[in-house]
Amino acid sequence: MASLNSFPSPETLVKGMTGFDCTDQWDVVVSYSLDKLNNILSTLWANDEELSATKSFEIVVKGFEPKDDYNVAWEIDTRPPTLKFNADKTATLEIPLAGTWQAHRGETYKVKHTLPDGYKLFITTSLMGVKVRGGEMQKGSQVVRLIIS
């Protein structure tokens, strides 16, 4: 394994990875500022009307007898997500939730409840290898643009 002082140049890294389906047992370091990624996610979230809109839906809660069934009306707002990378080679998108829910049977409604602070939706996915066909350095930076199959 290479020492911390002997990483290949970005050009050498891209050339060495070209054509492989994955890292071919390399230790690959991807250098992103997690703060910058999360700022981008926050901006994208705020500027996407569909993502930032309140989601309204109903579920049916089945009782012991059909006459005991009732509905719960939900109104959920999603807040800007944050991304984190995990030690088990996964990434998790964490989305804070806010909103209300109200049980009802027909037109008879119970008290509307507010979702308590701290509720979150977690979406975790595996990080996978990708096949790199080529790449290039962006002028004036250390950013490598990879061409991915």
N, C-alpha and C. Protein backbone atom coordinates (compact mmCIF):
# COMPACT_ATOMS: atom_id res chain seq x y z
N MET A 1 0.85 -1.18 0.00
CA MET A 1 0.00 0.00 0.00
C MET A 1 0.88 1.24 0.00
N ALA A 2 0.49 2.25 -0.75
CA ALA A 2 1.26 3.49 -0.85
C ALA A 2 1.18 4.27 0.45
N SER A 3 2.25 4.98 0.75
CA SER A 3 2.23 5.83 1.94
C SER A 3 1.44 7.10 1.62
N LEU A 4 1.12 7.84 2.67
CA LEU A 4 0.35 9.07 2.46
C LEU A 4 1.11 10.11 1.64
N ASN A 5 2.42 9.96 1.55
CA ASN A 5 3.22 10.94 0.80
C ASN A 5 3.43 10.55 -0.65
N SER A 6 2.86 9.43 -1.09
CA SER A 6 3.15 8.99 -2.45
C SER A 6 1.91 8.73 -3.29
N PHE A 7 0.87 9.52 -3.09
CA PHE A 7 -0.32 9.36 -3.92
C PHE A 7 0.01 9.72 -5.36
N PRO A 8 -0.61 9.02 -6.32
CA PRO A 8 -0.37 9.38 -7.72
C PRO A 8 -1.03 10.72 -8.04
N SER A 9 -0.56 11.34 -9.10
CA SER A 9 -1.19 12.58 -9.55
C SER A 9 -2.59 12.24 -10.05
N PRO A 10 -3.49 13.23 -10.12
CA PRO A 10 -4.82 12.94 -10.65
C PRO A 10 -4.79 12.32 -12.05
N GLU A 11 -3.86 12.81 -12.89
CA GLU A 11 -3.75 12.27 -14.24
C GLU A 11 -3.37 10.79 -14.22
N THR A 12 -2.40 10.44 -13.36
CA THR A 12 -1.94 9.06 -13.24
C THR A 12 -3.04 8.17 -12.69
N LEU A 13 -3.79 8.68 -11.72
CA LEU A 13 -4.89 7.93 -11.13
C LEU A 13 -5.94 7.59 -12.19
N VAL A 14 -6.35 8.59 -12.98
CA VAL A 14 -7.35 8.36 -14.03
C VAL A 14 -6.82 7.37 -15.05
N LYS A 15 -5.57 7.53 -15.47
CA LYS A 15 -4.98 6.63 -16.46
C LYS A 15 -4.94 5.19 -15.91
N GLY A 16 -4.57 5.04 -14.66
CA GLY A 16 -4.49 3.72 -14.05
C GLY A 16 -5.83 3.05 -13.86
N MET A 17 -6.89 3.83 -13.68
CA MET A 17 -8.22 3.26 -13.47
C MET A 17 -8.96 3.02 -14.77
N THR A 18 -8.54 3.64 -15.85
CA THR A 18 -9.25 3.54 -17.12
C THR A 18 -9.40 2.08 -17.55
N GLY A 19 -10.66 1.71 -17.84
CA GLY A 19 -10.94 0.38 -18.34
C GLY A 19 -11.29 -0.66 -17.31
N PHE A 20 -11.10 -0.36 -16.03
CA PHE A 20 -11.44 -1.34 -14.99
C PHE A 20 -12.89 -1.19 -14.57
N ASP A 21 -13.52 -2.33 -14.21
CA ASP A 21 -14.91 -2.31 -13.76
C ASP A 21 -15.06 -1.78 -12.35
N CYS A 22 -14.00 -1.81 -11.58
CA CYS A 22 -14.04 -1.27 -10.22
C CYS A 22 -12.63 -0.84 -9.87
N THR A 23 -12.32 -0.76 -8.62
CA THR A 23 -11.02 -0.22 -8.22
C THR A 23 -9.88 -1.22 -8.34
N ASP A 24 -10.16 -2.45 -8.76
CA ASP A 24 -9.13 -3.48 -8.95
C ASP A 24 -8.22 -3.57 -7.73
N GLN A 25 -8.85 -3.59 -6.53
CA GLN A 25 -8.17 -3.70 -5.25
C GLN A 25 -7.33 -2.47 -4.91
N TRP A 26 -7.61 -1.34 -5.52
CA TRP A 26 -6.95 -0.10 -5.15
C TRP A 26 -7.65 0.47 -3.92
N ASP A 27 -6.93 1.24 -3.16
CA ASP A 27 -7.54 2.10 -2.15
C ASP A 27 -7.73 3.44 -2.83
N VAL A 28 -8.97 3.82 -3.00
CA VAL A 28 -9.27 5.06 -3.72
C VAL A 28 -9.78 6.08 -2.73
N VAL A 29 -9.23 7.26 -2.78
CA VAL A 29 -9.69 8.34 -1.94
C VAL A 29 -10.39 9.36 -2.82
N VAL A 30 -11.63 9.62 -2.51
CA VAL A 30 -12.38 10.65 -3.22
C VAL A 30 -12.47 11.83 -2.27
N SER A 31 -11.98 12.95 -2.72
CA SER A 31 -11.90 14.11 -1.84
C SER A 31 -13.02 15.09 -2.16
N TYR A 32 -14.06 15.02 -1.36
CA TYR A 32 -15.15 15.97 -1.46
C TYR A 32 -15.24 16.68 -0.13
N SER A 33 -15.64 17.90 -0.16
CA SER A 33 -15.98 18.58 1.09
C SER A 33 -17.42 18.19 1.39
N LEU A 34 -17.63 17.45 2.47
CA LEU A 34 -18.98 17.03 2.82
C LEU A 34 -19.85 18.25 3.10
N ASP A 35 -19.27 19.28 3.70
CA ASP A 35 -20.03 20.52 3.92
C ASP A 35 -20.50 21.12 2.60
N LYS A 36 -19.62 21.13 1.60
CA LYS A 36 -20.01 21.69 0.30
C LYS A 36 -21.07 20.82 -0.38
N LEU A 37 -20.92 19.50 -0.29
CA LEU A 37 -21.94 18.61 -0.85
C LEU A 37 -23.29 18.85 -0.18
N ASN A 38 -23.28 18.98 1.14
CA ASN A 38 -24.53 19.20 1.85
C ASN A 38 -25.12 20.58 1.54
N ASN A 39 -24.27 21.58 1.32
CA ASN A 39 -24.77 22.90 0.90
C ASN A 39 -25.43 22.81 -0.47
N ILE A 40 -24.83 22.03 -1.37
CA ILE A 40 -25.42 21.85 -2.70
C ILE A 40 -26.76 21.14 -2.58
N LEU A 41 -26.81 20.08 -1.78
CA LEU A 41 -28.07 19.36 -1.56
C LEU A 41 -29.15 20.30 -1.02
N SER A 42 -28.78 21.12 -0.06
CA SER A 42 -29.73 22.06 0.54
C SER A 42 -30.26 23.05 -0.50
N THR A 43 -29.37 23.56 -1.33
CA THR A 43 -29.78 24.50 -2.38
C THR A 43 -30.68 23.82 -3.40
N LEU A 44 -30.29 22.61 -3.84
CA LEU A 44 -31.11 21.88 -4.80
C LEU A 44 -32.49 21.59 -4.22
N TRP A 45 -32.54 21.20 -2.96
CA TRP A 45 -33.79 20.89 -2.28
C TRP A 45 -34.68 22.12 -2.24
N ALA A 46 -34.11 23.26 -1.86
CA ALA A 46 -34.89 24.49 -1.72
C ALA A 46 -35.42 24.97 -3.07
N ASN A 47 -34.69 24.69 -4.14
CA ASN A 47 -35.08 25.19 -5.46
C ASN A 47 -35.93 24.21 -6.25
N ASP A 48 -36.24 23.07 -5.68
CA ASP A 48 -37.07 22.08 -6.35
C ASP A 48 -38.44 22.07 -5.70
N GLU A 49 -39.43 22.62 -6.40
CA GLU A 49 -40.77 22.75 -5.83
C GLU A 49 -41.38 21.41 -5.43
N GLU A 50 -41.09 20.37 -6.19
CA GLU A 50 -41.66 19.06 -5.87
C GLU A 50 -41.08 18.50 -4.58
N LEU A 51 -39.76 18.64 -4.40
CA LEU A 51 -39.13 18.12 -3.19
C LEU A 51 -39.51 18.92 -1.95
N SER A 52 -39.60 20.23 -2.09
CA SER A 52 -39.87 21.07 -0.93
C SER A 52 -41.36 21.25 -0.63
N ALA A 53 -42.23 20.74 -1.49
CA ALA A 53 -43.67 20.88 -1.27
C ALA A 53 -44.15 19.94 -0.18
N THR A 54 -45.24 20.33 0.48
CA THR A 54 -45.87 19.47 1.48
C THR A 54 -46.48 18.25 0.79
N LYS A 55 -46.23 17.08 1.35
CA LYS A 55 -46.80 15.84 0.81
C LYS A 55 -48.02 15.49 1.66
N SER A 56 -49.16 15.34 1.03
CA SER A 56 -50.40 14.98 1.72
C SER A 56 -50.83 13.59 1.26
N PHE A 57 -51.14 12.73 2.23
CA PHE A 57 -51.59 11.38 1.89
C PHE A 57 -52.38 10.81 3.07
N GLU A 58 -53.10 9.75 2.79
CA GLU A 58 -53.89 9.07 3.82
C GLU A 58 -53.54 7.60 3.85
N ILE A 59 -53.60 7.04 5.05
CA ILE A 59 -53.44 5.60 5.20
C ILE A 59 -54.67 5.06 5.93
N VAL A 60 -54.97 3.79 5.70
CA VAL A 60 -56.06 3.13 6.39
C VAL A 60 -55.46 2.24 7.47
N VAL A 61 -55.93 2.42 8.69
CA VAL A 61 -55.51 1.57 9.80
C VAL A 61 -56.61 0.54 10.01
N LYS A 62 -56.24 -0.71 9.83
CA LYS A 62 -57.22 -1.80 9.96
C LYS A 62 -57.45 -2.12 11.44
N GLY A 63 -58.72 -2.21 11.81
CA GLY A 63 -59.09 -2.59 13.16
C GLY A 63 -59.35 -4.09 13.25
N PHE A 64 -59.72 -4.53 14.44
CA PHE A 64 -60.02 -5.95 14.64
C PHE A 64 -61.22 -6.36 13.78
N GLU A 65 -62.18 -5.47 13.68
CA GLU A 65 -63.36 -5.67 12.83
C GLU A 65 -63.38 -4.54 11.80
N PRO A 66 -63.96 -4.78 10.61
CA PRO A 66 -64.03 -3.72 9.61
C PRO A 66 -64.63 -2.41 10.14
N LYS A 67 -65.57 -2.50 11.06
CA LYS A 67 -66.19 -1.28 11.61
C LYS A 67 -65.19 -0.48 12.44
N ASP A 68 -64.06 -1.11 12.82
CA ASP A 68 -63.04 -0.43 13.63
C ASP A 68 -61.99 0.27 12.77
N ASP A 69 -62.03 0.07 11.45
CA ASP A 69 -61.06 0.72 10.56
C ASP A 69 -61.19 2.23 10.66
N TYR A 70 -60.06 2.91 10.52
CA TYR A 70 -60.10 4.37 10.45
C TYR A 70 -58.95 4.85 9.57
N ASN A 71 -59.01 6.10 9.16
CA ASN A 71 -58.00 6.70 8.30
C ASN A 71 -57.13 7.64 9.11
N VAL A 72 -55.90 7.83 8.63
CA VAL A 72 -55.02 8.84 9.19
C VAL A 72 -54.55 9.71 8.03
N ALA A 73 -54.86 11.00 8.13
CA ALA A 73 -54.44 11.96 7.11
C ALA A 73 -53.11 12.57 7.55
N TRP A 74 -52.14 12.52 6.66
CA TRP A 74 -50.80 13.04 6.94
C TRP A 74 -50.51 14.24 6.05
N GLU A 75 -49.80 15.19 6.58
CA GLU A 75 -49.20 16.29 5.82
C GLU A 75 -47.75 16.37 6.28
N ILE A 76 -46.84 16.01 5.38
CA ILE A 76 -45.43 15.91 5.74
C ILE A 76 -44.61 16.90 4.91
N ASP A 77 -43.74 17.62 5.60
CA ASP A 77 -42.76 18.48 4.95
C ASP A 77 -41.39 17.85 5.14
N THR A 78 -40.63 17.80 4.07
CA THR A 78 -39.25 17.32 4.18
C THR A 78 -38.34 18.54 4.24
N ARG A 79 -37.34 18.45 5.04
CA ARG A 79 -36.35 19.52 5.20
C ARG A 79 -35.11 19.14 4.38
N PRO A 80 -34.22 20.09 4.13
CA PRO A 80 -33.03 19.76 3.33
C PRO A 80 -32.25 18.59 3.92
N PRO A 81 -31.85 17.66 3.07
CA PRO A 81 -31.15 16.46 3.53
C PRO A 81 -29.68 16.73 3.80
N THR A 82 -29.07 15.80 4.51
CA THR A 82 -27.62 15.79 4.66
C THR A 82 -27.13 14.40 4.28
N LEU A 83 -25.93 14.38 3.74
CA LEU A 83 -25.31 13.14 3.28
C LEU A 83 -24.18 12.79 4.22
N LYS A 84 -24.01 11.50 4.49
CA LYS A 84 -22.83 11.06 5.22
C LYS A 84 -22.37 9.74 4.63
N PHE A 85 -21.07 9.52 4.72
CA PHE A 85 -20.48 8.28 4.25
C PHE A 85 -20.17 7.42 5.47
N ASN A 86 -20.48 6.13 5.38
CA ASN A 86 -20.36 5.21 6.50
C ASN A 86 -19.18 4.27 6.32
N ALA A 87 -18.68 3.75 7.43
CA ALA A 87 -17.52 2.86 7.41
C ALA A 87 -17.81 1.54 6.70
N ASP A 88 -19.09 1.17 6.56
CA ASP A 88 -19.44 -0.11 5.92
C ASP A 88 -19.65 0.01 4.42
N LYS A 89 -19.03 1.01 3.80
CA LYS A 89 -19.08 1.23 2.34
C LYS A 89 -20.48 1.56 1.86
N THR A 90 -21.19 2.33 2.66
CA THR A 90 -22.51 2.82 2.28
C THR A 90 -22.53 4.34 2.46
N ALA A 91 -23.53 4.95 1.88
CA ALA A 91 -23.78 6.37 2.09
C ALA A 91 -25.23 6.51 2.55
N THR A 92 -25.46 7.45 3.45
CA THR A 92 -26.80 7.65 4.00
C THR A 92 -27.25 9.08 3.76
N LEU A 93 -28.44 9.21 3.21
CA LEU A 93 -29.10 10.50 3.06
C LEU A 93 -30.08 10.61 4.22
N GLU A 94 -29.93 11.64 5.02
CA GLU A 94 -30.78 11.85 6.20
C GLU A 94 -31.69 13.04 5.92
N ILE A 95 -33.00 12.80 5.98
CA ILE A 95 -33.98 13.84 5.63
C ILE A 95 -34.87 14.13 6.84
N PRO A 96 -34.71 15.30 7.46
CA PRO A 96 -35.59 15.66 8.59
C PRO A 96 -37.03 15.83 8.11
N LEU A 97 -37.96 15.43 8.96
CA LEU A 97 -39.39 15.50 8.64
C LEU A 97 -40.11 16.41 9.64
N ALA A 98 -41.11 17.09 9.15
CA ALA A 98 -42.01 17.89 9.98
C ALA A 98 -43.40 17.68 9.41
N GLY A 99 -44.42 17.95 10.22
CA GLY A 99 -45.76 17.82 9.67
C GLY A 99 -46.79 17.49 10.72
N THR A 100 -47.95 17.07 10.23
CA THR A 100 -49.08 16.77 11.11
C THR A 100 -49.75 15.47 10.68
N TRP A 101 -50.51 14.89 11.60
CA TRP A 101 -51.35 13.74 11.29
C TRP A 101 -52.64 13.87 12.08
N GLN A 102 -53.70 13.34 11.47
CA GLN A 102 -55.01 13.46 12.09
C GLN A 102 -55.84 12.22 11.74
N ALA A 103 -56.29 11.51 12.77
CA ALA A 103 -57.12 10.33 12.57
C ALA A 103 -58.56 10.77 12.31
N HIS A 104 -59.24 10.00 11.46
CA HIS A 104 -60.66 10.27 11.22
C HIS A 104 -61.36 9.03 10.72
N ARG A 105 -62.64 9.00 10.96
CA ARG A 105 -63.52 7.96 10.42
C ARG A 105 -64.63 8.72 9.72
N GLY A 106 -64.64 8.61 8.40
CA GLY A 106 -65.61 9.40 7.63
C GLY A 106 -65.32 10.88 7.81
N GLU A 107 -66.34 11.64 8.21
CA GLU A 107 -66.17 13.08 8.41
C GLU A 107 -65.91 13.44 9.88
N THR A 108 -65.76 12.44 10.74
CA THR A 108 -65.49 12.69 12.15
C THR A 108 -63.98 12.66 12.37
N TYR A 109 -63.42 13.82 12.71
CA TYR A 109 -61.97 13.97 12.87
C TYR A 109 -61.59 14.07 14.34
N LYS A 110 -60.49 13.46 14.70
CA LYS A 110 -59.89 13.61 16.02
C LYS A 110 -58.98 14.84 16.00
N VAL A 111 -58.35 15.12 17.12
CA VAL A 111 -57.44 16.25 17.23
C VAL A 111 -56.26 16.07 16.29
N LYS A 112 -55.82 17.16 15.65
CA LYS A 112 -54.66 17.12 14.76
C LYS A 112 -53.40 17.13 15.63
N HIS A 113 -52.46 16.23 15.32
CA HIS A 113 -51.21 16.11 16.07
C HIS A 113 -50.05 16.60 15.21
N THR A 114 -49.07 17.19 15.88
CA THR A 114 -47.85 17.63 15.21
C THR A 114 -46.78 16.56 15.38
N LEU A 115 -46.09 16.26 14.30
CA LEU A 115 -45.00 15.30 14.36
C LEU A 115 -43.91 15.90 15.26
N PRO A 116 -43.48 15.20 16.30
CA PRO A 116 -42.47 15.75 17.20
C PRO A 116 -41.13 15.99 16.49
N ASP A 117 -40.36 16.94 17.00
CA ASP A 117 -39.03 17.20 16.46
C ASP A 117 -38.19 15.93 16.52
N GLY A 118 -37.31 15.79 15.57
CA GLY A 118 -36.37 14.68 15.60
C GLY A 118 -36.72 13.52 14.67
N TYR A 119 -37.90 13.55 14.05
CA TYR A 119 -38.24 12.49 13.11
C TYR A 119 -37.45 12.69 11.82
N LYS A 120 -36.88 11.60 11.32
CA LYS A 120 -36.05 11.67 10.11
C LYS A 120 -36.27 10.43 9.26
N LEU A 121 -36.10 10.60 7.98
CA LEU A 121 -36.10 9.51 7.02
C LEU A 121 -34.65 9.25 6.66
N PHE A 122 -34.21 8.00 6.76
CA PHE A 122 -32.84 7.63 6.41
C PHE A 122 -32.88 6.74 5.18
N ILE A 123 -32.12 7.12 4.17
CA ILE A 123 -32.00 6.32 2.95
C ILE A 123 -30.53 5.94 2.83
N THR A 124 -30.25 4.65 2.90
CA THR A 124 -28.87 4.17 2.85
C THR A 124 -28.70 3.30 1.62
N THR A 125 -27.59 3.50 0.92
CA THR A 125 -27.31 2.71 -0.27
C THR A 125 -25.83 2.33 -0.31
N SER A 126 -25.53 1.24 -0.98
CA SER A 126 -24.15 0.80 -1.13
C SER A 126 -23.41 1.72 -2.08
N LEU A 127 -22.14 1.91 -1.81
CA LEU A 127 -21.28 2.60 -2.77
C LEU A 127 -20.70 1.52 -3.67
N MET A 128 -20.82 1.74 -4.99
CA MET A 128 -20.41 0.71 -5.94
C MET A 128 -19.27 1.22 -6.80
N GLY A 129 -18.52 0.28 -7.32
CA GLY A 129 -17.50 0.63 -8.29
C GLY A 129 -18.13 1.00 -9.62
N VAL A 130 -17.47 1.86 -10.34
CA VAL A 130 -17.95 2.24 -11.67
C VAL A 130 -16.81 2.02 -12.65
N LYS A 131 -17.16 1.84 -13.90
CA LYS A 131 -16.15 1.66 -14.93
C LYS A 131 -15.81 3.03 -15.50
N VAL A 132 -14.54 3.36 -15.48
CA VAL A 132 -14.08 4.66 -15.99
C VAL A 132 -13.52 4.47 -17.38
N ARG A 133 -14.06 5.22 -18.34
CA ARG A 133 -13.56 5.15 -19.72
C ARG A 133 -12.44 6.14 -19.98
N GLY A 134 -12.37 7.18 -19.18
CA GLY A 134 -11.34 8.19 -19.38
C GLY A 134 -11.56 9.33 -18.42
N GLY A 135 -10.77 10.36 -18.56
CA GLY A 135 -10.92 11.49 -17.68
C GLY A 135 -10.05 12.64 -18.11
N GLU A 136 -10.28 13.78 -17.50
CA GLU A 136 -9.48 14.95 -17.84
C GLU A 136 -9.45 15.89 -16.64
N MET A 137 -8.38 16.67 -16.56
CA MET A 137 -8.27 17.67 -15.51
C MET A 137 -9.01 18.93 -15.96
N GLN A 138 -9.72 19.56 -15.02
CA GLN A 138 -10.31 20.85 -15.32
C GLN A 138 -9.21 21.90 -15.17
N LYS A 139 -9.11 22.79 -16.13
CA LYS A 139 -8.05 23.80 -16.11
C LYS A 139 -8.13 24.65 -14.85
N GLY A 140 -6.96 24.87 -14.26
CA GLY A 140 -6.88 25.76 -13.10
C GLY A 140 -7.38 25.15 -11.81
N SER A 141 -7.55 23.83 -11.77
CA SER A 141 -8.03 23.23 -10.52
C SER A 141 -7.43 21.84 -10.37
N GLN A 142 -7.73 21.21 -9.26
CA GLN A 142 -7.32 19.83 -9.04
C GLN A 142 -8.52 18.90 -9.17
N VAL A 143 -9.55 19.33 -9.90
CA VAL A 143 -10.76 18.54 -10.08
C VAL A 143 -10.59 17.66 -11.30
N VAL A 144 -10.88 16.38 -11.14
CA VAL A 144 -10.80 15.43 -12.24
C VAL A 144 -12.22 15.15 -12.72
N ARG A 145 -12.46 15.33 -13.99
CA ARG A 145 -13.74 14.98 -14.58
C ARG A 145 -13.61 13.59 -15.15
N LEU A 146 -14.36 12.63 -14.61
CA LEU A 146 -14.29 11.26 -15.08
C LEU A 146 -15.39 10.99 -16.08
N ILE A 147 -15.09 10.23 -17.10
CA ILE A 147 -16.08 9.79 -18.07
C ILE A 147 -16.47 8.37 -17.66
N ILE A 148 -17.72 8.22 -17.24
CA ILE A 148 -18.16 6.96 -16.65
C ILE A 148 -19.06 6.22 -17.62
N SER A 149 -18.84 4.92 -17.75
CA SER A 149 -19.66 4.08 -18.63
C SER A 149 -21.00 3.86 -18.00
